[in-house]
Protein backbone atom coordinates (compact mmCIF):
# COMPACT_ATOMS: atom_id res chain seq x y z
CA MET A 1 -38.91 32.16 142.26
CA ASN A 2 -39.85 31.97 145.93
CA GLN A 3 -37.26 33.47 148.28
CA PHE A 4 -37.03 33.79 152.05
CA ILE A 5 -37.47 37.55 152.17
CA ASN A 6 -40.14 39.82 153.63
CA SER A 7 -40.11 42.49 150.97
CA LYS A 8 -37.76 43.77 148.31
CA GLU A 9 -37.62 47.12 150.10
CA ALA A 10 -36.51 45.66 153.45
CA LEU A 11 -34.29 42.92 151.99
CA VAL A 12 -30.89 44.49 152.71
CA THR A 13 -31.68 46.08 156.06
CA ASP A 14 -33.27 42.87 157.36
CA ALA A 15 -30.22 40.88 156.27
CA LEU A 16 -27.76 43.32 157.83
CA ASP A 17 -29.62 43.34 161.11
CA GLY A 18 -29.62 39.54 161.07
CA LEU A 19 -25.85 39.63 160.64
CA LEU A 20 -25.44 42.05 163.54
CA GLU A 21 -27.80 40.14 165.81
CA THR A 22 -25.78 36.95 165.36
CA SER A 23 -22.32 38.54 165.56
CA GLY A 24 -22.00 38.18 169.32
CA GLY A 25 -21.77 41.95 169.70
CA SER A 26 -18.65 42.28 167.52
CA LEU A 27 -20.45 44.41 164.92
CA THR A 28 -22.49 47.61 165.06
CA ARG A 29 -24.14 49.84 162.47
CA LEU A 30 -24.65 53.52 161.92
CA ASP A 31 -28.08 55.02 162.37
CA GLY A 32 -29.59 56.08 159.07
CA TYR A 33 -31.62 53.19 157.69
CA PRO A 34 -32.69 52.71 154.98
CA HIS A 35 -30.50 55.16 153.04
CA ILE A 36 -27.29 54.75 155.04
CA LYS A 37 -26.34 51.13 155.65
CA VAL A 38 -22.89 50.99 157.25
CA VAL A 39 -21.61 48.04 159.32
CA CYS A 40 -18.62 48.76 161.61
CA ARG A 41 -16.37 47.01 164.09
CA ALA A 42 -17.83 47.49 167.55
CA ASP A 43 -14.35 47.60 169.14
CA TRP A 44 -12.88 50.25 166.83
CA ASP A 45 -11.01 53.14 168.46
CA LYS A 46 -9.58 54.95 165.38
CA SER A 47 -6.01 54.35 166.53
CA LYS A 48 -4.98 52.55 163.32
CA VAL A 49 -5.56 52.89 159.58
CA ALA A 50 -9.22 52.22 158.81
CA LEU A 51 -10.23 50.01 155.90
CA VAL A 52 -13.58 50.73 154.25
CA SER A 53 -15.04 48.70 151.41
CA GLY A 54 -18.48 47.77 150.18
CA GLY A 55 -20.77 48.18 147.22
CA GLY A 56 -24.05 46.71 146.15
CA SER A 57 -25.58 43.94 148.24
CA GLY A 58 -26.16 40.46 146.84
CA HIS A 59 -22.51 39.39 147.15
CA GLU A 60 -22.72 38.07 150.70
CA PRO A 61 -20.75 37.45 152.82
CA ALA A 62 -18.91 40.29 151.08
CA HIS A 63 -18.67 42.88 152.28
CA ALA A 64 -20.18 43.15 155.76
CA GLY A 65 -19.22 39.55 156.56
CA PHE A 66 -15.55 40.55 156.41
CA VAL A 67 -15.79 43.38 158.92
CA GLY A 68 -13.73 42.49 161.96
CA GLN A 69 -10.30 42.48 163.54
CA GLY A 70 -7.68 41.77 160.88
CA MET A 71 -9.86 42.67 157.92
CA LEU A 72 -12.31 45.51 157.21
CA THR A 73 -13.14 48.29 159.64
CA ALA A 74 -16.44 49.12 157.95
CA ALA A 75 -18.57 48.02 155.02
CA VAL A 76 -20.87 50.44 153.20
CA CYS A 77 -23.78 48.56 151.67
CA GLY A 78 -26.05 49.56 148.83
CA GLU A 79 -29.23 47.93 147.62
CA VAL A 80 -28.91 44.72 145.60
CA PHE A 81 -26.30 45.27 142.87
CA ALA A 82 -26.48 49.06 143.42
CA SER A 83 -23.68 51.27 144.68
CA PRO A 84 -24.22 53.00 148.03
CA SER A 85 -24.70 56.76 147.91
CA VAL A 86 -22.00 59.37 148.45
CA ASP A 87 -23.56 60.26 151.81
CA ALA A 88 -23.50 56.61 152.91
CA VAL A 89 -19.82 56.22 151.99
CA LEU A 90 -18.94 59.52 153.64
CA ALA A 91 -20.78 58.46 156.79
CA GLY A 92 -18.71 55.28 156.89
CA ILE A 93 -15.44 57.19 156.43
CA LEU A 94 -16.25 59.76 159.10
CA ALA A 95 -17.35 57.07 161.56
CA VAL A 96 -14.11 55.09 161.54
CA THR A 97 -11.29 57.40 160.41
CA GLY A 98 -8.85 58.84 162.88
CA SER A 99 -5.49 60.53 162.45
CA PRO A 100 -3.81 57.43 160.85
CA GLY A 101 -6.20 57.77 157.89
CA CYS A 102 -8.47 55.55 155.85
CA LEU A 103 -8.09 53.32 152.78
CA LEU A 104 -11.11 52.84 150.52
CA ILE A 105 -11.11 49.49 148.67
CA VAL A 106 -13.40 49.83 145.67
CA LYS A 107 -14.42 47.35 142.98
CA ASN A 108 -14.12 48.77 139.48
CA TYR A 109 -17.72 49.64 138.67
CA THR A 110 -18.72 53.12 137.54
CA GLY A 111 -21.18 53.74 140.40
CA ASP A 112 -18.72 52.61 143.05
CA ARG A 113 -15.85 54.64 141.60
CA LEU A 114 -17.94 57.80 141.45
CA ASN A 115 -19.62 57.53 144.84
CA TYR A 116 -16.52 56.43 146.74
CA GLY A 117 -14.37 58.93 144.86
CA LEU A 118 -16.59 61.90 145.66
CA ALA A 119 -16.98 60.76 149.27
CA ALA A 120 -13.18 60.61 149.55
CA GLU A 121 -12.90 64.18 148.27
CA ARG A 122 -15.47 65.41 150.76
CA ALA A 123 -13.75 63.53 153.59
CA ARG A 124 -10.44 65.16 152.69
CA ALA A 125 -12.20 68.52 152.90
CA PHE A 126 -12.91 67.61 156.53
CA GLY A 127 -9.16 67.27 157.02
CA LEU A 128 -9.03 63.46 156.96
CA ARG A 129 -6.31 61.44 155.23
CA VAL A 130 -8.07 59.19 152.72
CA SER A 131 -6.62 57.10 149.90
CA MET A 132 -8.50 54.88 147.46
CA VAL A 133 -7.58 51.82 145.41
CA VAL A 134 -9.70 50.33 142.62
CA VAL A 135 -9.70 46.56 142.13
CA ASP A 136 -9.91 45.47 138.47
CA ASP A 137 -8.98 41.78 138.60
CA ASP A 138 -11.50 40.29 136.14
CA ILE A 139 -9.73 39.06 132.98
CA ALA A 140 -12.86 37.71 131.25
CA LEU A 141 -12.95 40.58 128.75
CA PRO A 142 -9.27 41.36 128.04
CA ASP A 143 -9.95 44.34 125.74
CA LEU A 144 -12.07 46.13 128.32
CA PRO A 145 -10.53 49.52 129.24
CA GLN A 146 -12.02 49.22 132.74
CA PRO A 147 -11.95 45.56 133.90
CA ARG A 148 -14.44 44.65 136.58
CA GLY A 149 -13.55 44.12 140.22
CA VAL A 150 -14.56 40.68 141.49
CA ALA A 151 -13.42 38.12 144.07
CA GLY A 152 -9.74 39.13 143.96
CA THR A 153 -10.89 42.08 146.09
CA LEU A 154 -10.72 39.68 149.02
CA PHE A 155 -6.94 39.40 148.65
CA VAL A 156 -6.77 43.14 149.25
CA HIS A 157 -9.11 42.97 152.26
CA LYS A 158 -6.97 40.32 153.92
CA ILE A 159 -3.49 41.65 153.15
CA THR A 160 -4.26 45.26 154.06
CA GLY A 161 -6.35 44.16 157.05
CA ALA A 162 -3.43 42.28 158.55
CA MET A 163 -1.06 45.18 157.88
CA ALA A 164 -3.39 47.76 159.40
CA GLU A 165 -3.85 45.56 162.46
CA ASP A 166 -0.06 45.51 162.84
CA GLY A 167 0.01 49.31 162.81
CA ALA A 168 1.30 49.94 159.28
CA ASP A 169 0.83 53.51 158.04
CA LEU A 170 -1.56 54.57 155.28
CA ASP A 171 1.10 54.78 152.57
CA ALA A 172 2.38 51.27 153.27
CA VAL A 173 -1.14 49.82 153.35
CA THR A 174 -2.08 51.61 150.11
CA ASN A 175 1.10 50.47 148.33
CA ALA A 176 0.48 46.86 149.36
CA ALA A 177 -3.06 47.06 148.03
CA GLU A 178 -1.91 48.49 144.71
CA SER A 179 0.80 45.84 144.34
CA ALA A 180 -1.68 43.04 144.95
CA ILE A 181 -4.18 44.52 142.48
CA LYS A 182 -1.55 44.67 139.73
CA ALA A 183 -0.54 41.04 140.27
CA MET A 184 -3.92 39.32 140.66
CA ALA A 185 -6.37 37.89 138.13
CA SER A 186 -9.86 36.39 138.38
CA ILE A 187 -12.46 34.73 136.17
CA GLY A 188 -15.75 32.96 136.84
CA LYS A 189 -17.97 30.35 135.23
CA SER A 190 -21.62 29.48 135.81
CA LEU A 191 -24.33 27.08 134.75
CA ASP A 192 -27.08 29.64 135.35
CA THR A 193 -27.74 33.31 135.90
CA CYS A 194 -28.83 34.76 139.23
CA THR A 195 -32.30 35.69 140.46
CA VAL A 196 -32.60 39.35 141.46
CA PRO A 197 -35.40 39.78 144.04
CA GLY A 198 -38.46 41.32 142.41
CA SER A 199 -37.27 40.65 138.86
CA ALA A 200 -37.82 37.83 136.41
CA LYS A 201 -34.87 35.51 136.03
CA GLU A 202 -33.01 35.82 132.75
CA ASP A 203 -32.86 32.48 130.94
CA ARG A 204 -29.70 33.32 129.06
CA ILE A 205 -27.80 30.09 129.65
CA ALA A 206 -29.47 27.10 128.02
CA PRO A 207 -29.48 23.67 129.72
CA GLY A 208 -26.29 21.81 128.95
CA MET A 209 -24.32 25.03 128.52
CA ALA A 210 -22.07 27.05 130.81
CA GLU A 211 -21.03 30.68 130.57
CA LEU A 212 -17.41 31.69 131.03
CA GLY A 213 -16.46 35.08 132.39
CA LEU A 214 -19.84 36.39 133.48
CA GLY A 215 -19.88 39.20 136.03
CA ILE A 216 -20.96 39.14 139.65
CA HIS A 217 -24.06 41.16 138.75
CA GLY A 218 -25.12 38.56 136.22
CA GLU A 219 -23.58 40.40 133.26
CA ALA A 220 -23.02 38.26 130.18
CA GLY A 221 -19.66 36.54 129.95
CA VAL A 222 -17.16 36.21 127.16
CA GLN A 223 -18.56 32.95 125.74
CA GLN A 224 -20.94 30.07 126.28
CA VAL A 225 -19.55 26.56 126.04
CA ALA A 226 -20.97 23.06 126.28
CA PHE A 227 -20.89 21.79 129.86
CA THR A 228 -19.22 18.39 130.10
CA GLY A 229 -18.39 18.17 133.79
CA ALA A 230 -16.33 19.69 136.59
CA ARG A 231 -12.94 18.77 135.14
CA ASN A 232 -13.55 20.53 131.84
CA ALA A 233 -15.15 23.52 133.58
CA MET A 234 -12.12 24.05 135.80
CA ASP A 235 -9.73 23.42 132.92
CA LEU A 236 -11.28 26.22 130.84
CA VAL A 237 -11.06 28.65 133.75
CA LEU A 238 -7.43 27.76 134.43
CA GLU A 239 -6.65 28.03 130.71
CA LYS A 240 -7.70 31.69 130.86
CA LEU A 241 -5.72 32.29 134.05
CA GLU A 242 -2.58 30.39 133.02
CA PRO A 243 -0.98 33.31 131.09
CA MET A 244 -1.37 35.44 134.22
CA ILE A 245 0.43 32.94 136.46
CA GLY A 246 4.13 33.70 136.66
CA SER A 247 6.98 31.93 138.39
CA GLY A 248 7.00 31.12 142.06
CA PRO A 249 4.20 30.07 144.38
CA HIS A 250 0.68 31.42 143.97
CA VAL A 251 -2.45 31.39 146.10
CA ALA A 252 -5.92 30.83 144.65
CA ILE A 253 -9.32 31.88 145.94
CA LEU A 254 -11.89 29.25 144.96
CA ASN A 255 -15.14 31.15 145.34
CA ASN A 256 -18.71 29.83 145.30
CA LEU A 257 -20.85 32.28 143.32
CA GLY A 258 -23.94 31.48 145.36
CA SER A 259 -25.80 28.21 144.95
CA THR A 260 -23.13 25.70 143.99
CA THR A 261 -23.33 22.90 146.56
CA PRO A 262 -20.41 22.15 148.91
CA LEU A 263 -20.13 18.75 147.20
CA GLU A 264 -19.63 20.40 143.81
CA MET A 265 -17.17 22.91 145.24
CA SER A 266 -15.03 20.12 146.70
CA ILE A 267 -14.96 18.40 143.30
CA LEU A 268 -13.87 21.67 141.69
CA ALA A 269 -11.17 22.01 144.36
CA HIS A 270 -9.97 18.50 143.48
CA GLU A 271 -9.75 19.43 139.81
CA LEU A 272 -7.84 22.62 140.59
CA ALA A 273 -5.40 20.80 142.86
CA ASN A 274 -4.64 18.20 140.20
CA SER A 275 -4.51 20.35 137.08
CA ASP A 276 -1.22 20.74 135.22
CA LYS A 277 -2.23 24.35 134.57
CA ALA A 278 -2.26 25.01 138.33
CA SER A 279 1.18 23.63 139.19
CA LYS A 280 2.28 27.02 140.58
CA ILE A 281 -0.79 27.29 142.83
CA LYS A 282 0.52 26.08 146.18
CA HIS A 283 -2.07 27.57 148.54
CA ILE A 284 -5.86 27.91 148.47
CA ILE A 285 -8.50 30.04 150.18
CA GLY A 286 -11.78 28.16 150.08
CA PRO A 287 -13.70 26.58 148.55
CA ALA A 288 -16.34 28.79 150.10
CA PRO A 289 -18.92 31.46 149.26
CA MET A 290 -17.04 34.73 149.66
CA MET A 291 -17.98 37.05 146.77
CA THR A 292 -21.30 35.66 145.58
CA SER A 293 -23.88 36.72 143.03
CA LEU A 294 -27.11 35.91 144.86
CA ASP A 295 -28.06 32.35 143.81
CA MET A 296 -25.74 31.98 140.82
CA HIS A 297 -24.81 28.32 140.18
CA GLY A 298 -21.16 28.91 139.44
CA PHE A 299 -17.66 29.47 140.76
CA SER A 300 -14.72 31.76 140.26
CA VAL A 301 -10.97 31.41 140.66
CA SER A 302 -8.66 34.27 141.61
CA VAL A 303 -4.86 33.93 141.63
CA LEU A 304 -2.10 35.97 143.24
CA PRO A 305 1.66 35.38 143.47
CA VAL A 306 2.90 35.32 147.05
CA ASP A 307 6.21 35.94 148.75
CA ALA A 308 7.05 35.27 152.38
CA GLU A 309 5.50 38.55 153.55
CA SER A 310 2.22 38.35 151.65
CA HIS A 311 1.92 34.65 152.50
CA ALA A 312 2.17 35.45 156.20
CA LEU A 313 -0.45 38.20 155.92
CA LEU A 314 -2.90 35.99 154.04
CA ALA A 315 -2.32 33.02 156.33
CA ARG A 316 -2.89 34.91 159.57
CA PRO A 317 -6.08 33.64 161.24
CA VAL A 318 -9.02 35.98 161.77
CA ASP A 319 -12.07 35.37 163.95
CA LEU A 320 -14.58 35.80 161.12
CA PRO A 321 -16.94 32.91 160.28
CA ALA A 322 -17.12 33.94 156.62
CA TRP A 323 -13.36 33.78 156.07
CA PRO A 324 -12.25 30.18 155.33
CA GLY A 325 -8.54 30.79 155.90
CA MET A 326 -5.65 29.85 153.67
CA LYS A 327 -4.37 26.28 153.44
CA ASP A 328 -1.54 24.58 151.58
CA ILE A 329 -2.54 22.33 148.69
CA SER A 330 -1.17 18.88 149.44
CA PRO A 331 -1.52 15.36 148.02
CA VAL A 332 -4.23 13.05 149.34
CA GLN A 333 -2.91 11.01 152.25
CA VAL A 334 -4.05 7.38 152.19
CA ARG A 335 -3.78 4.86 155.01
CA PRO A 336 -4.24 1.12 154.59
CA LEU A 337 -7.47 -0.44 155.76
CA PRO A 338 -7.35 -1.88 159.29
CA ASP A 339 -6.72 -5.60 159.56
CA GLY A 340 -9.86 -7.61 158.97
CA LEU A 341 -11.53 -5.06 156.70
CA SER A 342 -9.59 -5.74 153.53
CA PRO A 343 -11.89 -8.02 151.52
CA ILE A 344 -10.74 -11.53 150.73
CA GLN A 345 -10.39 -11.74 146.99
CA PRO A 346 -12.06 -14.79 145.44
CA ILE A 347 -10.26 -16.97 142.94
CA ALA A 348 -11.35 -15.74 139.54
CA SER A 349 -12.83 -18.23 137.07
CA ALA A 350 -14.47 -17.90 133.67
CA ASN A 351 -17.93 -18.77 132.44
CA ALA A 352 -19.02 -17.08 129.23
CA GLU A 353 -22.77 -17.55 129.78
CA THR A 354 -22.69 -16.26 133.39
CA ARG A 355 -20.62 -13.28 132.27
CA ARG A 356 -23.11 -12.49 129.50
CA VAL A 357 -26.09 -12.62 131.85
CA LEU A 358 -24.38 -10.45 134.49
CA ASN A 359 -23.36 -7.94 131.85
CA GLN A 360 -26.91 -7.73 130.55
CA CYS A 361 -28.33 -7.28 134.04
CA CYS A 362 -25.88 -4.50 134.77
CA ASP A 363 -26.63 -2.78 131.46
CA LEU A 364 -30.34 -2.96 132.24
CA LEU A 365 -29.88 -1.22 135.60
CA ILE A 366 -27.63 1.42 134.08
CA ALA A 367 -30.20 2.14 131.36
CA ALA A 368 -32.96 2.45 133.97
CA GLU A 369 -31.09 5.02 136.08
CA GLU A 370 -33.13 8.10 135.15
CA ASP A 371 -36.49 6.29 135.25
CA LEU A 372 -35.81 4.86 138.70
CA ASN A 373 -34.54 8.20 140.02
CA ALA A 374 -37.73 9.90 138.79
CA LEU A 375 -39.84 7.23 140.47
CA ASP A 376 -37.85 7.53 143.69
CA LEU A 377 -38.56 11.26 143.84
CA LYS A 378 -42.15 10.31 144.65
CA SER A 379 -41.17 8.25 147.67
CA GLY A 380 -37.59 9.09 148.60
CA ASP A 381 -34.69 11.32 147.67
CA GLY A 382 -34.45 10.47 143.99
CA ASP A 383 -31.28 8.37 144.07
CA THR A 384 -32.41 4.75 143.69
CA GLY A 385 -31.49 4.68 140.00
CA SER A 386 -28.10 6.28 140.58
CA THR A 387 -27.32 3.96 143.49
CA LEU A 388 -28.12 0.85 141.44
CA ALA A 389 -26.39 2.16 138.32
CA THR A 390 -23.23 2.97 140.29
CA ALA A 391 -23.17 -0.56 141.68
CA ALA A 392 -23.85 -2.01 138.24
CA ARG A 393 -20.96 -0.10 136.68
CA ALA A 394 -18.63 -1.26 139.44
CA LEU A 395 -19.80 -4.86 139.05
CA LYS A 396 -19.18 -4.76 135.30
CA GLY A 397 -15.67 -3.55 135.98
CA SER A 398 -14.99 -6.40 138.39
CA LEU A 399 -16.14 -9.32 136.20
CA ASP A 400 -12.57 -10.36 135.36
CA ARG A 401 -11.80 -11.07 139.02
CA LEU A 402 -15.08 -12.82 139.94
CA PRO A 403 -15.50 -16.62 140.31
CA LEU A 404 -17.97 -16.88 137.42
CA ALA A 405 -17.71 -20.67 137.23
CA ASP A 406 -18.53 -21.23 140.91
CA LEU A 407 -22.08 -20.09 141.76
CA THR A 408 -21.62 -20.45 145.52
CA GLN A 409 -18.53 -18.25 145.57
CA LEU A 410 -20.05 -15.90 143.00
CA PHE A 411 -22.99 -15.03 145.25
CA ARG A 412 -20.58 -14.23 148.09
CA ALA A 413 -18.30 -12.22 145.82
CA VAL A 414 -21.20 -10.16 144.47
CA GLY A 415 -22.24 -9.46 148.06
CA ASN A 416 -18.73 -8.23 148.87
CA GLU A 417 -18.67 -6.03 145.76
CA LEU A 418 -22.01 -4.44 146.61
CA SER A 419 -21.00 -3.79 150.22
CA GLN A 420 -18.07 -1.73 148.92
CA THR A 421 -19.60 0.04 145.92
CA MET A 422 -23.30 0.48 146.61
CA GLY A 423 -24.29 3.17 149.07
CA GLY A 424 -27.37 3.61 151.19
CA SER A 425 -29.51 0.95 152.80
CA SER A 426 -29.99 -0.82 149.47
CA GLY A 427 -26.29 -1.68 149.28
CA VAL A 428 -26.30 -3.21 152.74
CA ILE A 429 -29.51 -5.15 152.12
CA LEU A 430 -28.37 -6.60 148.81
CA ALA A 431 -24.92 -7.43 150.21
CA ILE A 432 -26.61 -9.38 153.00
CA PHE A 433 -28.93 -11.03 150.48
CA PHE A 434 -26.17 -12.31 148.21
CA GLY A 435 -23.90 -13.24 151.10
CA ALA A 436 -26.66 -15.27 152.80
CA THR A 437 -27.55 -16.87 149.47
CA GLY A 438 -23.93 -17.95 149.00
CA ASP A 439 -23.83 -19.39 152.51
CA ALA A 440 -27.03 -21.35 151.85
CA CYS A 441 -25.58 -22.71 148.61
CA ALA A 442 -22.44 -23.78 150.48
CA SER A 443 -24.59 -25.74 152.95
CA GLY A 444 -26.09 -27.77 150.12
CA LYS A 445 -29.33 -25.96 149.34
CA PRO A 446 -30.35 -25.73 145.65
CA THR A 447 -30.18 -22.26 144.09
CA THR A 448 -33.90 -21.49 144.31
CA LYS A 449 -34.06 -22.34 148.03
CA ALA A 450 -30.75 -20.59 148.67
CA LEU A 451 -32.19 -17.40 147.19
CA LEU A 452 -35.22 -17.69 149.47
CA ALA A 453 -32.84 -18.14 152.41
CA GLY A 454 -31.18 -14.88 151.39
CA LEU A 455 -34.60 -13.23 151.28
CA ASP A 456 -35.42 -14.50 154.77
CA ARG A 457 -32.15 -13.08 156.03
CA ILE A 458 -32.75 -9.55 154.73
CA SER A 459 -36.29 -9.61 156.13
CA GLN A 460 -34.85 -10.46 159.55
CA VAL A 461 -32.14 -7.80 159.39
CA GLY A 462 -34.07 -5.05 157.60
CA GLY A 463 -37.40 -5.63 159.28
CA ALA A 464 -39.39 -5.49 156.02
CA SER A 465 -41.74 -8.13 154.70
CA ARG A 466 -44.16 -8.53 151.83
CA GLY A 467 -46.85 -5.85 151.94
CA ASP A 468 -44.61 -3.17 153.44
CA ARG A 469 -44.10 -1.43 150.06
CA THR A 470 -40.46 -2.30 149.44
CA MET A 471 -38.49 -4.27 146.86
CA ILE A 472 -39.50 -7.43 148.76
CA ASP A 473 -43.00 -7.04 147.30
CA ALA A 474 -41.54 -7.90 143.89
CA LEU A 475 -38.61 -10.06 144.99
CA GLU A 476 -40.50 -12.59 147.11
CA PRO A 477 -43.16 -13.52 144.51
CA ALA A 478 -40.46 -13.71 141.85
CA LEU A 479 -38.33 -16.12 143.90
CA LEU A 480 -41.38 -18.24 144.80
CA ALA A 481 -42.27 -18.50 141.11
CA LEU A 482 -38.69 -19.18 140.01
CA PRO A 483 -39.04 -23.01 140.07
CA ASP A 484 -41.61 -22.57 137.25
CA GLY A 485 -39.09 -20.73 135.10
CA MET A 486 -37.70 -17.24 134.59
CA ASP A 487 -40.74 -16.06 132.59
CA ALA A 488 -43.01 -16.94 135.51
CA ALA A 489 -40.65 -15.19 137.92
CA ALA A 490 -40.63 -12.06 135.76
CA LYS A 491 -44.43 -11.95 135.60
CA ALA A 492 -44.69 -12.40 139.37
CA ALA A 493 -42.16 -9.63 139.97
CA ARG A 494 -44.03 -7.26 137.68
CA ALA A 495 -47.35 -8.04 139.39
CA GLY A 496 -45.75 -7.42 142.78
CA ALA A 497 -44.28 -4.09 141.66
CA ILE A 498 -47.61 -2.92 140.26
CA LYS A 499 -49.36 -3.86 143.50
CA THR A 500 -47.12 -1.46 145.48
CA ALA A 501 -48.71 1.49 143.66
CA SER A 502 -52.05 0.83 145.36
CA MET A 503 -50.71 0.05 148.81
CA GLY A 504 -51.37 2.43 151.66
CA ARG A 505 -48.73 3.91 153.90
CA ALA A 506 -45.29 2.35 153.57
CA LYS A 507 -44.23 0.32 156.59
CA ALA A 508 -40.48 0.14 155.92
CA GLY A 509 -37.78 2.11 154.15
CA ARG A 510 -37.49 5.81 153.43
CA ALA A 511 -41.02 5.94 152.00
CA THR A 512 -42.34 5.71 155.57
CA TYR A 513 -41.48 9.41 155.92
CA VAL A 514 -43.56 10.35 152.86
CA PRO A 515 -47.30 11.12 153.03
CA THR A 516 -49.42 8.26 151.69
CA GLU A 517 -51.09 10.48 149.09
CA ASN A 518 -47.70 11.06 147.47
CA LEU A 519 -47.15 7.32 147.06
CA ILE A 520 -50.49 6.22 145.63
CA GLY A 521 -50.29 5.50 141.92
CA HIS A 522 -46.51 5.07 141.86
CA ASN A 523 -44.62 1.79 141.98
CA ASP A 524 -42.06 1.46 144.73
CA PRO A 525 -38.71 2.15 143.00
CA GLY A 526 -36.99 -0.85 144.60
CA ALA A 527 -39.80 -3.16 143.52
CA GLU A 528 -39.74 -1.62 140.05
CA ALA A 529 -35.98 -2.27 139.82
CA VAL A 530 -36.50 -5.92 140.80
CA ALA A 531 -39.26 -6.31 138.20
CA ARG A 532 -37.11 -4.84 135.44
CA LEU A 533 -34.20 -7.04 136.47
CA PHE A 534 -36.25 -10.24 136.27
CA GLU A 535 -37.77 -9.14 132.98
CA GLY A 536 -34.27 -8.64 131.66
CA LEU A 537 -33.19 -12.05 132.95
CA ALA A 538 -36.16 -13.67 131.26
CA LYS A 539 -34.96 -12.29 127.94
CA ALA A 540 -31.30 -13.10 128.59
CA ILE A 541 -31.66 -16.71 129.67
């Protein structure tokens, strides 16, 4: 897999320097590259308890992204998924620890425990006060004697960071960390493994499957399950966490494991907020990438009960771009549409034959979704099929309220439906087309001429005409042939769609941004959709 790196050897140091160079001067690092990679607060004066965390890289923004006022004092970074050395950890401790002492926050992995533990012993030999807590929040493998430390570590960073900033002593900060660790629980789920730079990607998770409880280093999870959507994915995660959720309010961290898109993360947040299993979760941190696993396409949920004190510590703002803050989970607030935007509902009427034809047309577009998306990838963003299928599904669901017995009103009503349910430029164009057709029918024009009037209108508004490599290249010949029957219209539409494959550069639509060589040999997806629609109508009527 191609990655935006210079070399595997310089991967971590390049990334850390990029973080420092864009921090506005708030961060600094210790000399010692490449073996000692320690990021510190630039404003630190050792007058308060220092907080040091870290571990292998590949979990960004953890841990260096959380160095700053109100969170970590320093982060000690290893190579990708590898613990930093004892010397690196000791260097970090010595650099930031004053008389108030230092707390080491360590995730429960053997390398981290050993290296941080030995560094703590050596620091104590220098006369420094150092305590260490080990985070073991992963509940994926309940029989494990040493559970892994994962995203719940961030609860500890935030709570202890706020306390240390307030001047709490080392014992109080350590006790708060230990209390949070005992009360928290985390589990993750992913559709794919991660890609470690310089290594072949492990194809452990088959298409259509998801893995529950995998580790942040790509370790195998507790089970693989069929993937059926965001709701089921979140439900399975919350099912594992539910026994760990006690009475009273809880906060959840909704963590992006690396390459899950913001759109997907918002859907997962919606499912968490509305799950019966999450009724005690009143606050949320995220959704955001906080403790990632390189490019893993997954998410994790961590939960922690909160009282007034811990709530205040977690809610306190920090000036760190990587920290999303804590928010209350609240119901969706809905306002009525402004006057004039609420659509006028037509008077519904029945016509069995019209209903049958509309149903068949919608089914045809739904069935063509994947084919049209694949075709659109050649000339656009691959969503033509989905856009049309979404509109078709909505139209099928609205048939009971449409004026099926009144063709003039039906054209207008279909235009209104498409303007509300069909996204992109296609929705606007087709809404204008059907609306103008309905207006032409109302002025006395026969259906065939009314349809041509609708075509003229979208050419005026959209600026496209025949020969520009758009759906008009199939729609116009079909409408001109319609007086000779639906079979003739279907043949004309198909011929028009085929012709688009040999046209030169597109002159309208999104395909204008695509090199001509990418378009040659492929039908325009809009024209192809029109051709399929008329072919379906020819069979239906």
